Amino acid sequence: MEKEFVEKMKEALLAHRQVILDSIAAQNDDFQKIVETADTGDVIDVASDVIDGKLLESLGVQDSQRLQQINNALDRIKQDKYGYCLKCGREIPKERLEAVPYAFMCIDCKSQDERRNR
């Protein structure tokens, strides 16, 4: 995966993560300090620290899952594994990653997974 594209996706992931964190902060003043500390230090390391049990409890299920997927994608970037399907190992198309930057499966594997889970 091209380094320039991965950096673009990293910025998109961080923006998505910040929207979720801003939403939390707007809902609850207690989380304002957590969100503010997320703006300092190594962003990927801070992302992992921000996700604690209390924070996840405050999120809706969908936001909680999306935040976890975003942080997992940021970890894959850090490990140089971003953009590859975790199931089959093939490169995930750029168009899919642009639509869903935290995607961890190619379309074929995701479709198979969804059919199996019905």
PDB file of N, CA and C in Angstrom:
ATOM      1  N   MET A   1       0.851  -1.171   0.000  1.00  0.00           N
ATOM      2  CA  MET A   1       0.000   0.000   0.000  1.00  0.00           C
ATOM      3  C   MET A   1       0.894   1.231   0.000  1.00  0.00           C
ATOM      4  N   GLU A   2       0.563   2.205  -0.827  1.00  0.00           N
ATOM      5  CA  GLU A   2       1.379   3.414  -0.970  1.00  0.00           C
ATOM      6  C   GLU A   2       1.377   4.229   0.322  1.00  0.00           C
ATOM      7  N   LYS A   3       2.544   4.686   0.710  1.00  0.00           N
ATOM      8  CA  LYS A   3       2.701   5.436   1.955  1.00  0.00           C
ATOM      9  C   LYS A   3       1.853   6.712   1.962  1.00  0.00           C
ATOM     10  N   GLU A   4       1.795   7.401   0.828  1.00  0.00           N
ATOM     11  CA  GLU A   4       1.015   8.637   0.730  1.00  0.00           C
ATOM     12  C   GLU A   4      -0.473   8.364   0.964  1.00  0.00           C
ATOM     13  N   PHE A   5      -0.979   7.273   0.385  1.00  0.00           N
ATOM     14  CA  PHE A   5      -2.379   6.906   0.567  1.00  0.00           C
ATOM     15  C   PHE A   5      -2.650   6.532   2.023  1.00  0.00           C
ATOM     16  N   VAL A   6      -1.748   5.783   2.625  1.00  0.00           N
ATOM     17  CA  VAL A   6      -1.913   5.378   4.024  1.00  0.00           C
ATOM     18  C   VAL A   6      -1.940   6.603   4.931  1.00  0.00           C
ATOM     19  N   GLU A   7      -1.082   7.591   4.659  1.00  0.00           N
ATOM     20  CA  GLU A   7      -1.083   8.827   5.457  1.00  0.00           C
ATOM     21  C   GLU A   7      -2.410   9.569   5.309  1.00  0.00           C
ATOM     22  N   LYS A   8      -2.947   9.591   4.095  1.00  0.00           N
ATOM     23  CA  LYS A   8      -4.249  10.217   3.846  1.00  0.00           C
ATOM     24  C   LYS A   8      -5.341   9.507   4.650  1.00  0.00           C
ATOM     25  N   MET A   9      -5.286   8.183   4.680  1.00  0.00           N
ATOM     26  CA  MET A   9      -6.278   7.406   5.426  1.00  0.00           C
ATOM     27  C   MET A   9      -6.100   7.594   6.934  1.00  0.00           C
ATOM     28  N   LYS A  10      -4.852   7.738   7.371  1.00  0.00           N
ATOM     29  CA  LYS A  10      -4.588   7.979   8.793  1.00  0.00           C
ATOM     30  C   LYS A  10      -5.243   9.288   9.219  1.00  0.00           C
ATOM     31  N   GLU A  11      -5.107  10.313   8.395  1.00  0.00           N
ATOM     32  CA  GLU A  11      -5.741  11.596   8.698  1.00  0.00           C
ATOM     33  C   GLU A  11      -7.255  11.458   8.747  1.00  0.00           C
ATOM     34  N   ALA A  12      -7.830  10.697   7.826  1.00  0.00           N
ATOM     35  CA  ALA A  12      -9.278  10.476   7.819  1.00  0.00           C
ATOM     36  C   ALA A  12      -9.717   9.720   9.073  1.00  0.00           C
ATOM     37  N   LEU A  13      -8.957   8.710   9.466  1.00  0.00           N
ATOM     38  CA  LEU A  13      -9.280   7.945  10.675  1.00  0.00           C
ATOM     39  C   LEU A  13      -9.222   8.832  11.918  1.00  0.00           C
ATOM     40  N   LEU A  14      -8.189   9.647  12.003  1.00  0.00           N
ATOM     41  CA  LEU A  14      -8.066  10.547  13.152  1.00  0.00           C
ATOM     42  C   LEU A  14      -9.212  11.550  13.186  1.00  0.00           C
ATOM     43  N   ALA A  15      -9.650  12.017  12.024  1.00  0.00           N
ATOM     44  CA  ALA A  15     -10.780  12.944  11.953  1.00  0.00           C
ATOM     45  C   ALA A  15     -12.069  12.256  12.406  1.00  0.00           C
ATOM     46  N   HIS A  16     -12.293  11.016  11.952  1.00  0.00           N
ATOM     47  CA  HIS A  16     -13.474  10.256  12.386  1.00  0.00           C
ATOM     48  C   HIS A  16     -13.447  10.045  13.902  1.00  0.00           C
ATOM     49  N   ARG A  17     -12.276   9.694  14.406  1.00  0.00           N
ATOM     50  CA  ARG A  17     -12.138   9.460  15.847  1.00  0.00           C
ATOM     51  C   ARG A  17     -12.431  10.731  16.636  1.00  0.00           C
ATOM     52  N   GLN A  18     -11.939  11.851  16.132  1.00  0.00           N
ATOM     53  CA  GLN A  18     -12.149  13.114  16.830  1.00  0.00           C
ATOM     54  C   GLN A  18     -13.624  13.504  16.855  1.00  0.00           C
ATOM     55  N   VAL A  19     -14.351  13.217  15.782  1.00  0.00           N
ATOM     56  CA  VAL A  19     -15.793  13.508  15.756  1.00  0.00           C
ATOM     57  C   VAL A  19     -16.507  12.734  16.863  1.00  0.00           C
ATOM     58  N   ILE A  20     -16.158  11.466  17.015  1.00  0.00           N
ATOM     59  CA  ILE A  20     -16.775  10.655  18.065  1.00  0.00           C
ATOM     60  C   ILE A  20     -16.400  11.194  19.443  1.00  0.00           C
ATOM     61  N   LEU A  21     -15.127  11.498  19.644  1.00  0.00           N
ATOM     62  CA  LEU A  21     -14.683  12.017  20.938  1.00  0.00           C
ATOM     63  C   LEU A  21     -15.307  13.373  21.246  1.00  0.00           C
ATOM     64  N   ASP A  22     -15.450  14.230  20.242  1.00  0.00           N
ATOM     65  CA  ASP A  22     -16.100  15.527  20.445  1.00  0.00           C
ATOM     66  C   ASP A  22     -17.555  15.348  20.839  1.00  0.00           C
ATOM     67  N   SER A  23     -18.199  14.360  20.254  1.00  0.00           N
ATOM     68  CA  SER A  23     -19.588  14.068  20.578  1.00  0.00           C
ATOM     69  C   SER A  23     -19.712  13.636  22.042  1.00  0.00           C
ATOM     70  N   ILE A  24     -18.773  12.820  22.482  1.00  0.00           N
ATOM     71  CA  ILE A  24     -18.762  12.386  23.882  1.00  0.00           C
ATOM     72  C   ILE A  24     -18.562  13.589  24.798  1.00  0.00           C
ATOM     73  N   ALA A  25     -17.604  14.418  24.462  1.00  0.00           N
ATOM     74  CA  ALA A  25     -17.297  15.585  25.294  1.00  0.00           C
ATOM     75  C   ALA A  25     -18.498  16.521  25.374  1.00  0.00           C
ATOM     76  N   ALA A  26     -19.205  16.682  24.281  1.00  0.00           N
ATOM     77  CA  ALA A  26     -20.375  17.556  24.274  1.00  0.00           C
ATOM     78  C   ALA A  26     -21.485  16.990  25.145  1.00  0.00           C
ATOM     79  N   GLN A  27     -21.550  15.673  25.260  1.00  0.00           N
ATOM     80  CA  GLN A  27     -22.603  15.038  26.053  1.00  0.00           C
ATOM     81  C   GLN A  27     -22.280  15.007  27.545  1.00  0.00           C
ATOM     82  N   ASN A  28     -21.011  15.036  27.876  1.00  0.00           N
ATOM     83  CA  ASN A  28     -20.663  14.844  29.274  1.00  0.00           C
ATOM     84  C   ASN A  28     -19.373  15.589  29.605  1.00  0.00           C
ATOM     85  N   ASP A  29     -19.455  16.513  30.525  1.00  0.00           N
ATOM     86  CA  ASP A  29     -18.287  17.304  30.915  1.00  0.00           C
ATOM     87  C   ASP A  29     -17.177  16.449  31.531  1.00  0.00           C
ATOM     88  N   ASP A  30     -17.530  15.325  32.154  1.00  0.00           N
ATOM     89  CA  ASP A  30     -16.522  14.466  32.775  1.00  0.00           C
ATOM     90  C   ASP A  30     -15.535  13.915  31.752  1.00  0.00           C
ATOM     91  N   PHE A  31     -15.977  13.767  30.522  1.00  0.00           N
ATOM     92  CA  PHE A  31     -15.112  13.213  29.494  1.00  0.00           C
ATOM     93  C   PHE A  31     -14.333  14.286  28.754  1.00  0.00           C
ATOM     94  N   GLN A  32     -14.585  15.545  29.051  1.00  0.00           N
ATOM     95  CA  GLN A  32     -13.877  16.627  28.385  1.00  0.00           C
ATOM     96  C   GLN A  32     -12.371  16.511  28.600  1.00  0.00           C
ATOM     97  N   LYS A  33     -11.946  16.176  29.824  1.00  0.00           N
ATOM     98  CA  LYS A  33     -10.513  16.044  30.108  1.00  0.00           C
ATOM     99  C   LYS A  33      -9.895  14.895  29.320  1.00  0.00           C
ATOM    100  N   ILE A  34     -10.616  13.789  29.195  1.00  0.00           N
ATOM    101  CA  ILE A  34     -10.099  12.650  28.433  1.00  0.00           C
ATOM    102  C   ILE A  34      -9.885  13.053  26.988  1.00  0.00           C
ATOM    103  N   VAL A  35     -10.875  13.741  26.412  1.00  0.00           N
ATOM    104  CA  VAL A  35     -10.791  14.159  25.021  1.00  0.00           C
ATOM    105  C   VAL A  35      -9.657  15.157  24.836  1.00  0.00           C
ATOM    106  N   GLU A  36      -9.492  16.084  25.782  1.00  0.00           N
ATOM    107  CA  GLU A  36      -8.422  17.071  25.681  1.00  0.00           C
ATOM    108  C   GLU A  36      -7.049  16.407  25.725  1.00  0.00           C
ATOM    109  N   THR A  37      -6.892  15.364  26.540  1.00  0.00           N
ATOM    110  CA  THR A  37      -5.598  14.685  26.600  1.00  0.00           C
ATOM    111  C   THR A  37      -5.335  13.890  25.332  1.00  0.00           C
ATOM    112  N   ALA A  38      -6.377  13.574  24.577  1.00  0.00           N
ATOM    113  CA  ALA A  38      -6.190  12.844  23.322  1.00  0.00           C
ATOM    114  C   ALA A  38      -5.513  13.711  22.270  1.00  0.00           C
ATOM    115  N   ASP A  39      -5.485  15.026  22.481  1.00  0.00           N
ATOM    116  CA  ASP A  39      -4.869  15.925  21.518  1.00  0.00           C
ATOM    117  C   ASP A  39      -3.368  16.083  21.739  1.00  0.00           C
ATOM    118  N   THR A  40      -2.818  15.465  22.783  1.00  0.00           N
ATOM    119  CA  THR A  40      -1.403  15.607  23.065  1.00  0.00           C
ATOM    120  C   THR A  40      -0.708  14.255  22.908  1.00  0.00           C
ATOM    121  N   GLY A  41       0.565  14.278  22.692  1.00  0.00           N
ATOM    122  CA  GLY A  41       1.341  13.043  22.612  1.00  0.00           C
ATOM    123  C   GLY A  41       1.155  12.324  21.300  1.00  0.00           C
ATOM    124  N   ASP A  42       1.641  11.108  21.267  1.00  0.00           N
ATOM    125  CA  ASP A  42       1.511  10.252  20.085  1.00  0.00           C
ATOM    126  C   ASP A  42       0.053   9.848  19.933  1.00  0.00           C
ATOM    127  N   VAL A  43      -0.582  10.310  18.880  1.00  0.00           N
ATOM    128  CA  VAL A  43      -2.021  10.153  18.701  1.00  0.00           C
ATOM    129  C   VAL A  43      -2.446   8.693  18.729  1.00  0.00           C
ATOM    130  N   ILE A  44      -1.680   7.828  18.135  1.00  0.00           N
ATOM    131  CA  ILE A  44      -2.062   6.417  18.094  1.00  0.00           C
ATOM    132  C   ILE A  44      -1.994   5.803  19.492  1.00  0.00           C
ATOM    133  N   ASP A  45      -0.963   6.126  20.250  1.00  0.00           N
ATOM    134  CA  ASP A  45      -0.870   5.614  21.615  1.00  0.00           C
ATOM    135  C   ASP A  45      -1.978   6.181  22.487  1.00  0.00           C
ATOM    136  N   VAL A  46      -2.274   7.453  22.330  1.00  0.00           N
ATOM    137  CA  VAL A  46      -3.327   8.093  23.117  1.00  0.00           C
ATOM    138  C   VAL A  46      -4.674   7.481  22.778  1.00  0.00           C
ATOM    139  N   ALA A  47      -4.885   7.140  21.508  1.00  0.00           N
ATOM    140  CA  ALA A  47      -6.152   6.534  21.094  1.00  0.00           C
ATOM    141  C   ALA A  47      -6.424   5.270  21.896  1.00  0.00           C
ATOM    142  N   SER A  48      -5.411   4.476  22.115  1.00  0.00           N
ATOM    143  CA  SER A  48      -5.583   3.256  22.890  1.00  0.00           C
ATOM    144  C   SER A  48      -5.895   3.573  24.349  1.00  0.00           C
ATOM    145  N   ASP A  49      -5.259   4.594  24.884  1.00  0.00           N
ATOM    146  CA  ASP A  49      -5.470   4.970  26.284  1.00  0.00           C
ATOM    147  C   ASP A  49      -6.866   5.528  26.527  1.00  0.00           C
ATOM    148  N   VAL A  50      -7.407   6.211  25.541  1.00  0.00           N
ATOM    149  CA  VAL A  50      -8.714   6.856  25.703  1.00  0.00           C
ATOM    150  C   VAL A  50      -9.818   5.827  25.872  1.00  0.00           C
ATOM    151  N   ILE A  51      -9.646   4.671  25.243  1.00  0.00           N
ATOM    152  CA  ILE A  51     -10.691   3.662  25.270  1.00  0.00           C
ATOM    153  C   ILE A  51     -10.580   2.873  26.563  1.00  0.00           C
ATOM    154  N   ASP A  52     -11.284   3.298  27.551  1.00  0.00           N
ATOM    155  CA  ASP A  52     -11.358   2.510  28.772  1.00  0.00           C
ATOM    156  C   ASP A  52     -12.819   2.127  28.999  1.00  0.00           C
ATOM    157  N   GLY A  53     -13.060   1.302  29.974  1.00  0.00           N
ATOM    158  CA  GLY A  53     -14.411   0.788  30.201  1.00  0.00           C
ATOM    159  C   GLY A  53     -15.450   1.871  30.401  1.00  0.00           C
ATOM    160  N   LYS A  54     -15.110   2.892  31.188  1.00  0.00           N
ATOM    161  CA  LYS A  54     -16.067   3.947  31.477  1.00  0.00           C
ATOM    162  C   LYS A  54     -16.440   4.724  30.216  1.00  0.00           C
ATOM    163  N   LEU A  55     -15.459   4.988  29.381  1.00  0.00           N
ATOM    164  CA  LEU A  55     -15.710   5.710  28.139  1.00  0.00           C
ATOM    165  C   LEU A  55     -16.600   4.892  27.227  1.00  0.00           C
ATOM    166  N   LEU A  56     -16.309   3.608  27.081  1.00  0.00           N
ATOM    167  CA  LEU A  56     -17.104   2.755  26.210  1.00  0.00           C
ATOM    168  C   LEU A  56     -18.544   2.635  26.698  1.00  0.00           C
ATOM    169  N   GLU A  57     -18.730   2.646  28.012  1.00  0.00           N
ATOM    170  CA  GLU A  57     -20.084   2.589  28.558  1.00  0.00           C
ATOM    171  C   GLU A  57     -20.897   3.809  28.168  1.00  0.00           C
ATOM    172  N   SER A  58     -20.239   4.941  28.004  1.00  0.00           N
ATOM    173  CA  SER A  58     -20.943   6.176  27.688  1.00  0.00           C
ATOM    174  C   SER A  58     -21.352   6.257  26.221  1.00  0.00           C
ATOM    175  N   LEU A  59     -20.746   5.443  25.390  1.00  0.00           N
ATOM    176  CA  LEU A  59     -21.027   5.470  23.960  1.00  0.00           C
ATOM    177  C   LEU A  59     -22.185   4.552  23.621  1.00  0.00           C
ATOM    178  N   GLY A  60     -22.840   4.853  22.538  1.00  0.00           N
ATOM    179  CA  GLY A  60     -23.790   3.917  21.998  1.00  0.00           C
ATOM    180  C   GLY A  60     -23.022   2.749  21.424  1.00  0.00           C
ATOM    181  N   VAL A  61     -23.693   1.642  21.201  1.00  0.00           N
ATOM    182  CA  VAL A  61     -23.037   0.446  20.694  1.00  0.00           C
ATOM    183  C   VAL A  61     -22.357   0.724  19.353  1.00  0.00           C
ATOM    184  N   GLN A  62     -23.047   1.422  18.471  1.00  0.00           N
ATOM    185  CA  GLN A  62     -22.492   1.675  17.139  1.00  0.00           C
ATOM    186  C   GLN A  62     -21.240   2.552  17.225  1.00  0.00           C
ATOM    187  N   ASP A  63     -21.293   3.633  17.998  1.00  0.00           N
ATOM    188  CA  ASP A  63     -20.130   4.503  18.145  1.00  0.00           C
ATOM    189  C   ASP A  63     -18.979   3.769  18.816  1.00  0.00           C
ATOM    190  N   SER A  64     -19.306   2.934  19.794  1.00  0.00           N
ATOM    191  CA  SER A  64     -18.275   2.165  20.489  1.00  0.00           C
ATOM    192  C   SER A  64     -17.558   1.228  19.524  1.00  0.00           C
ATOM    193  N   GLN A  65     -18.322   0.527  18.705  1.00  0.00           N
ATOM    194  CA  GLN A  65     -17.717  -0.386  17.737  1.00  0.00           C
ATOM    195  C   GLN A  65     -16.893   0.376  16.709  1.00  0.00           C
ATOM    196  N   ARG A  66     -17.421   1.509  16.237  1.00  0.00           N
ATOM    197  CA  ARG A  66     -16.697   2.287  15.235  1.00  0.00           C
ATOM    198  C   ARG A  66     -15.399   2.835  15.814  1.00  0.00           C
ATOM    199  N   LEU A  67     -15.432   3.321  17.052  1.00  0.00           N
ATOM    200  CA  LEU A  67     -14.226   3.841  17.694  1.00  0.00           C
ATOM    201  C   LEU A  67     -13.184   2.730  17.842  1.00  0.00           C
ATOM    202  N   GLN A  68     -13.620   1.546  18.218  1.00  0.00           N
ATOM    203  CA  GLN A  68     -12.692   0.427  18.351  1.00  0.00           C
ATOM    204  C   GLN A  68     -12.109   0.055  16.991  1.00  0.00           C
ATOM    205  N   GLN A  69     -12.932   0.055  15.943  1.00  0.00           N
ATOM    206  CA  GLN A  69     -12.444  -0.267  14.601  1.00  0.00           C
ATOM    207  C   GLN A  69     -11.455   0.790  14.120  1.00  0.00           C
ATOM    208  N   ILE A  70     -11.712   2.047  14.432  1.00  0.00           N
ATOM    209  CA  ILE A  70     -10.787   3.126  14.057  1.00  0.00           C
ATOM    210  C   ILE A  70      -9.447   2.935  14.754  1.00  0.00           C
ATOM    211  N   ASN A  71      -9.485   2.656  16.038  1.00  0.00           N
ATOM    212  CA  ASN A  71      -8.240   2.441  16.780  1.00  0.00           C
ATOM    213  C   ASN A  71      -7.493   1.204  16.282  1.00  0.00           C
ATOM    214  N   ASN A  72      -8.232   0.164  15.913  1.00  0.00           N
ATOM    215  CA  ASN A  72      -7.596  -1.026  15.343  1.00  0.00           C
ATOM    216  C   ASN A  72      -6.925  -0.688  14.009  1.00  0.00           C
ATOM    217  N   ALA A  73      -7.589   0.125  13.185  1.00  0.00           N
ATOM    218  CA  ALA A  73      -7.009   0.536  11.902  1.00  0.00           C
ATOM    219  C   ALA A  73      -5.750   1.369  12.129  1.00  0.00           C
ATOM    220  N   LEU A  74      -5.777   2.254  13.117  1.00  0.00           N
ATOM    221  CA  LEU A  74      -4.584   3.045  13.441  1.00  0.00           C
ATOM    222  C   LEU A  74      -3.439   2.141  13.897  1.00  0.00           C
ATOM    223  N   ASP A  75      -3.769   1.089  14.640  1.00  0.00           N
ATOM    224  CA  ASP A  75      -2.739   0.119  15.046  1.00  0.00           C
ATOM    225  C   ASP A  75      -2.167  -0.605  13.834  1.00  0.00           C
ATOM    226  N   ARG A  76      -3.042  -0.965  12.873  1.00  0.00           N
ATOM    227  CA  ARG A  76      -2.551  -1.636  11.668  1.00  0.00           C
ATOM    228  C   ARG A  76      -1.631  -0.718  10.869  1.00  0.00           C
ATOM    229  N   ILE A  77      -1.938   0.577  10.846  1.00  0.00           N
ATOM    230  CA  ILE A  77      -1.053   1.532  10.171  1.00  0.00           C
ATOM    231  C   ILE A  77       0.313   1.524  10.847  1.00  0.00           C
ATOM    232  N   LYS A  78       0.297   1.572  12.146  1.00  0.00           N
ATOM    233  CA  LYS A  78       1.550   1.582  12.911  1.00  0.00           C
ATOM    234  C   LYS A  78       2.374   0.324  12.655  1.00  0.00           C
ATOM    235  N   GLN A  79       1.702  -0.800  12.404  1.00  0.00           N
ATOM    236  CA  GLN A  79       2.373  -2.085  12.173  1.00  0.00           C
ATOM    237  C   GLN A  79       2.624  -2.356  10.689  1.00  0.00           C
ATOM    238  N   ASP A  80       2.336  -1.378   9.830  1.00  0.00           N
ATOM    239  CA  ASP A  80       2.475  -1.523   8.370  1.00  0.00           C
ATOM    240  C   ASP A  80       1.624  -2.666   7.813  1.00  0.00           C
ATOM    241  N   LYS A  81       0.450  -2.881   8.392  1.00  0.00           N
ATOM    242  CA  LYS A  81      -0.468  -3.922   7.925  1.00  0.00           C
ATOM    243  C   LYS A  81      -1.784  -3.336   7.432  1.00  0.00           C
ATOM    244  N   TYR A  82      -1.874  -2.021   7.364  1.00  0.00           N
ATOM    245  CA  TYR A  82      -3.109  -1.363   6.951  1.00  0.00           C
ATOM    246  C   TYR A  82      -3.374  -1.605   5.473  1.00  0.00           C
ATOM    247  N   GLY A  83      -4.636  -1.831   5.137  1.00  0.00           N
ATOM    248  CA  GLY A  83      -5.035  -1.976   3.743  1.00  0.00           C
ATOM    249  C   GLY A  83      -5.033  -3.402   3.235  1.00  0.00           C
ATOM    250  N   TYR A  84      -4.797  -4.353   4.119  1.00  0.00           N
ATOM    251  CA  TYR A  84      -4.804  -5.757   3.736  1.00  0.00           C
ATOM    252  C   TYR A  84      -5.894  -6.483   4.521  1.00  0.00           C
ATOM    253  N   CYS A  85      -6.642  -7.323   3.829  1.00  0.00           N
ATOM    254  CA  CYS A  85      -7.735  -8.075   4.432  1.00  0.00           C
ATOM    255  C   CYS A  85      -7.195  -8.989   5.523  1.00  0.00           C
ATOM    256  N   LEU A  86      -7.804  -8.932   6.684  1.00  0.00           N
ATOM    257  CA  LEU A  86      -7.357  -9.779   7.793  1.00  0.00           C
ATOM    258  C   LEU A  86      -7.741 -11.233   7.593  1.00  0.00           C
ATOM    259  N   LYS A  87      -8.677 -11.492   6.689  1.00  0.00           N
ATOM    260  CA  LYS A  87      -9.115 -12.869   6.455  1.00  0.00           C
ATOM    261  C   LYS A  87      -8.316 -13.541   5.344  1.00  0.00           C
ATOM    262  N   CYS A  88      -8.220 -12.907   4.186  1.00  0.00           N
ATOM    263  CA  CYS A  88      -7.568 -13.554   3.037  1.00  0.00           C
ATOM    264  C   CYS A  88      -6.180 -12.989   2.737  1.00  0.00           C
ATOM    265  N   GLY A  89      -5.857 -11.825   3.308  1.00  0.00           N
ATOM    266  CA  GLY A  89      -4.538 -11.234   3.115  1.00  0.00           C
ATOM    267  C   GLY A  89      -4.370 -10.398   1.857  1.00  0.00           C
ATOM    268  N   ARG A  90      -5.403 -10.357   1.023  1.00  0.00           N
ATOM    269  CA  ARG A  90      -5.305  -9.550  -0.198  1.00  0.00           C
ATOM    270  C   ARG A  90      -5.443  -8.066   0.135  1.00  0.00           C
ATOM    271  N   GLU A  91      -4.946  -7.238  -0.767  1.00  0.00           N
ATOM    272  CA  GLU A  91      -5.042  -5.791  -0.597  1.00  0.00           C
ATOM    273  C   GLU A  91      -6.503  -5.361  -0.742  1.00  0.00           C
ATOM    274  N   ILE A  92      -6.956  -4.530   0.182  1.00  0.00           N
ATOM    275  CA  ILE A  92      -8.311  -3.984   0.125  1.00  0.00           C
ATOM    276  C   ILE A  92      -8.291  -2.838  -0.878  1.00  0.00           C
ATOM    277  N   PRO A  93      -9.258  -2.799  -1.809  1.00  0.00           N
ATOM    278  CA  PRO A  93      -9.276  -1.721  -2.805  1.00  0.00           C
ATOM    279  C   PRO A  93      -9.324  -0.333  -2.158  1.00  0.00           C
ATOM    280  N   LYS A  94      -8.595   0.599  -2.753  1.00  0.00           N
ATOM    281  CA  LYS A  94      -8.533   1.961  -2.226  1.00  0.00           C
ATOM    282  C   LYS A  94      -9.922   2.586  -2.125  1.00  0.00           C
ATOM    283  N   GLU A  95     -10.783   2.272  -3.097  1.00  0.00           N
ATOM    284  CA  GLU A  95     -12.139   2.839  -3.086  1.00  0.00           C
ATOM    285  C   GLU A  95     -12.898   2.415  -1.828  1.00  0.00           C
ATOM    286  N   ARG A  96     -12.712   1.178  -1.417  1.00  0.00           N
ATOM    287  CA  ARG A  96     -13.366   0.702  -0.188  1.00  0.00           C
ATOM    288  C   ARG A  96     -12.798   1.420   1.035  1.00  0.00           C
ATOM    289  N   LEU A  97     -11.476   1.565   1.075  1.00  0.00           N
ATOM    290  CA  LEU A  97     -10.851   2.242   2.214  1.00  0.00           C
ATOM    291  C   LEU A  97     -11.225   3.721   2.274  1.00  0.00           C
ATOM    292  N   GLU A  98     -11.396   4.339   1.116  1.00  0.00           N
ATOM    293  CA  GLU A  98     -11.826   5.742   1.113  1.00  0.00           C
ATOM    294  C   GLU A  98     -13.251   5.872   1.642  1.00  0.00           C
ATOM    295  N   ALA A  99     -14.097   4.891   1.357  1.00  0.00           N
ATOM    296  CA  ALA A  99     -15.474   4.908   1.835  1.00  0.00           C
ATOM    297  C   ALA A  99     -15.549   4.520   3.309  1.00  0.00           C
ATOM    298  N   VAL A 100     -14.758   3.527   3.704  1.00  0.00           N
ATOM    299  CA  VAL A 100     -14.736   3.023   5.084  1.00  0.00           C
ATOM    300  C   VAL A 100     -13.275   2.862   5.491  1.00  0.00           C
ATOM    301  N   PRO A 101     -12.658   3.943   5.982  1.00  0.00           N
ATOM    302  CA  PRO A 101     -11.217   3.901   6.270  1.00  0.00           C
ATOM    303  C   PRO A 101     -10.806   2.850   7.296  1.00  0.00           C
ATOM    304  N   TYR A 102     -11.739   2.392   8.114  1.00  0.00           N
ATOM    305  CA  TYR A 102     -11.422   1.404   9.140  1.00  0.00           C
ATOM    306  C   TYR A 102     -11.775  -0.015   8.703  1.00  0.00           C
ATOM    307  N   ALA A 103     -12.062  -0.207   7.404  1.00  0.00           N
ATOM    308  CA  ALA A 103     -12.373  -1.544   6.889  1.00  0.00           C
ATOM    309  C   ALA A 103     -11.198  -2.478   7.132  1.00  0.00           C
ATOM    310  N   PHE A 104     -11.503  -3.698   7.562  1.00  0.00           N
ATOM    311  CA  PHE A 104     -10.444  -4.658   7.828  1.00  0.00           C
ATOM    312  C   PHE A 104     -10.589  -5.923   6.990  1.00  0.00           C
ATOM    313  N   MET A 105     -11.628  -5.953   6.142  1.00  0.00           N
ATOM    314  CA  MET A 105     -11.813  -7.074   5.230  1.00  0.00           C
ATOM    315  C   MET A 105     -12.125  -6.542   3.843  1.00  0.00           C
ATOM    316  N   CYS A 106     -11.717  -7.307   2.829  1.00  0.00           N
ATOM    317  CA  CYS A 106     -12.086  -6.959   1.468  1.00  0.00           C
ATOM    318  C   CYS A 106     -13.589  -7.195   1.298  1.00  0.00           C
ATOM    319  N   ILE A 107     -14.145  -6.722   0.220  1.00  0.00           N
ATOM    320  CA  ILE A 107     -15.584  -6.828   0.003  1.00  0.00           C
ATOM    321  C   ILE A 107     -16.031  -8.292  -0.046  1.00  0.00           C
ATOM    322  N   ASP A 108     -15.281  -9.143  -0.721  1.00  0.00           N
ATOM    323  CA  ASP A 108     -15.658 -10.563  -0.824  1.00  0.00           C
ATOM    324  C   ASP A 108     -15.720 -11.222   0.550  1.00  0.00           C
ATOM    325  N   CYS A 109     -14.699 -11.035   1.358  1.00  0.00           N
ATOM    326  CA  CYS A 109     -14.665 -11.655   2.687  1.00  0.00           C
ATOM    327  C   CYS A 109     -15.745 -11.064   3.596  1.00  0.00           C
ATOM    328  N   LYS A 110     -15.977  -9.766   3.505  1.00  0.00           N
ATOM    329  CA  LYS A 110     -17.003  -9.123   4.319  1.00  0.00           C
ATOM    330  C   LYS A 110     -18.381  -9.647   3.936  1.00  0.00           C
ATOM    331  N   SER A 111     -18.625  -9.813   2.639  1.00  0.00           N
ATOM    332  CA  SER A 111     -19.904 -10.347   2.173  1.00  0.00           C
ATOM    333  C   SER A 111     -20.113 -11.769   2.681  1.00  0.00           C
ATOM    334  N   GLN A 112     -19.079 -12.593   2.591  1.00  0.00           N
ATOM    335  CA  GLN A 112     -19.169 -13.968   3.106  1.00  0.00           C
ATOM    336  C   GLN A 112     -19.454 -13.970   4.607  1.00  0.00           C
ATOM    337  N   ASP A 113     -18.790 -13.088   5.322  1.00  0.00           N
ATOM    338  CA  ASP A 113     -18.964 -12.984   6.770  1.00  0.00           C
ATOM    339  C   ASP A 113     -20.395 -12.571   7.124  1.00  0.00           C
ATOM    340  N   GLU A 114     -20.934 -11.606   6.394  1.00  0.00           N
ATOM    341  CA  GLU A 114     -22.303 -11.149   6.651  1.00  0.00           C
ATOM    342  C   GLU A 114     -23.318 -12.240   6.335  1.00  0.00           C
ATOM    343  N   ARG A 115     -23.113 -12.975   5.232  1.00  0.00           N
ATOM    344  CA  ARG A 115     -24.039 -14.077   4.882  1.00  0.00           C
ATOM    345  C   ARG A 115     -24.006 -15.151   5.958  1.00  0.00           C
ATOM    346  N   ARG A 116     -22.846 -15.445   6.471  1.00  0.00           N
ATOM    347  CA  ARG A 116     -22.702 -16.468   7.503  1.00  0.00           C
ATOM    348  C   ARG A 116     -23.376 -16.047   8.797  1.00  0.00           C
ATOM    349  N   ASN A 117     -23.386 -14.757   9.093  1.00  0.00           N
ATOM    350  CA  ASN A 117     -23.943 -14.249  10.352  1.00  0.00           C
ATOM    351  C   ASN A 117     -25.434 -13.948  10.300  1.00  0.00           C
ATOM    352  N   ARG A 118     -26.073 -14.230   9.189  1.00  0.00           N
ATOM    353  CA  ARG A 118     -27.533 -13.959   9.088  1.00  0.00           C
ATOM    354  C   ARG A 118     -28.326 -14.996   9.778  1.00  0.00           C
TER     355      ARG A 118
END
